[in-house]
Protein backbone atom coordinates (compact mmCIF):
# COMPACT_ATOMS: atom_id res chain seq x y z
CA UNK A 1 -32.62 4.47 -0.23
CA UNK A 2 -30.85 1.92 -2.31
CA UNK A 3 -30.15 -2.21 -0.40
CA UNK A 4 -26.71 -2.19 0.11
CA UNK A 5 -24.94 -5.32 -1.79
CA UNK A 6 -24.20 -7.99 0.74
CA UNK A 7 -23.25 -11.05 -1.03
CA UNK A 8 -21.16 -11.05 -4.63
CA UNK A 9 -23.25 -11.90 -7.88
CA UNK A 10 -23.69 -15.55 -8.30
CA UNK A 11 -21.96 -14.93 -11.73
CA UNK A 12 -18.73 -13.73 -10.46
CA UNK A 13 -15.03 -15.89 -10.29
CA UNK A 14 -12.66 -15.01 -8.67
CA UNK A 15 -9.47 -14.21 -10.50
CA UNK A 16 -6.40 -15.70 -10.74
CA UNK A 17 -3.92 -13.89 -8.40
CA UNK A 18 -6.29 -13.19 -5.65
CA UNK A 19 -5.45 -15.35 -2.52
CA UNK A 20 -6.54 -15.61 0.66
CA UNK A 21 -2.71 -15.59 2.28
CA UNK A 22 -2.17 -13.23 5.24
CA UNK A 23 -0.81 -10.28 4.35
CA UNK A 24 3.09 -10.01 5.10
CA UNK A 25 4.91 -8.68 7.64
CA UNK A 26 6.84 -4.86 6.98
CA UNK A 27 10.94 -5.66 6.33
CA UNK A 28 12.04 -3.20 8.60
CA UNK A 29 13.90 0.33 7.17
CA UNK A 30 16.83 -0.19 4.91
CA UNK A 31 18.75 2.90 7.29
CA UNK A 32 16.88 3.09 10.25
CA UNK A 33 18.84 6.51 10.66
CA UNK A 34 17.77 8.48 7.95
CA UNK A 35 13.86 10.09 7.96
CA UNK A 36 11.56 8.50 5.79
CA UNK A 37 10.11 10.59 3.17
CA UNK A 38 7.45 9.77 2.68
CA UNK A 39 6.67 10.76 6.68
CA UNK A 40 8.54 14.07 6.97
CA UNK A 41 8.05 15.37 3.08
CA UNK A 42 11.39 15.88 2.02
CA UNK A 43 12.48 14.18 -1.14
CA UNK A 44 16.62 14.40 -1.55
CA UNK A 45 17.44 13.61 -5.10
CA UNK A 46 21.39 14.26 -5.87
CA UNK A 47 21.83 15.80 -2.29
CA UNK A 48 19.63 18.66 -3.02
CA UNK A 49 16.30 18.11 -0.65
CA UNK A 50 12.80 18.08 -2.93
CA UNK A 51 9.18 18.48 -2.06
CA UNK A 52 6.88 18.13 -4.48
């Protein structure tokens, strides 16, 4: 069995866009009465419900 790496290689340098800031809190929905298409699978385009 191959041993799993537990540390980064010594040559590794952290990219400039990486940060240690906490993840931002989720925004409240724009219209809470409207169902989420990612949750229910129905997308509306020009008044017609479509499913991919």
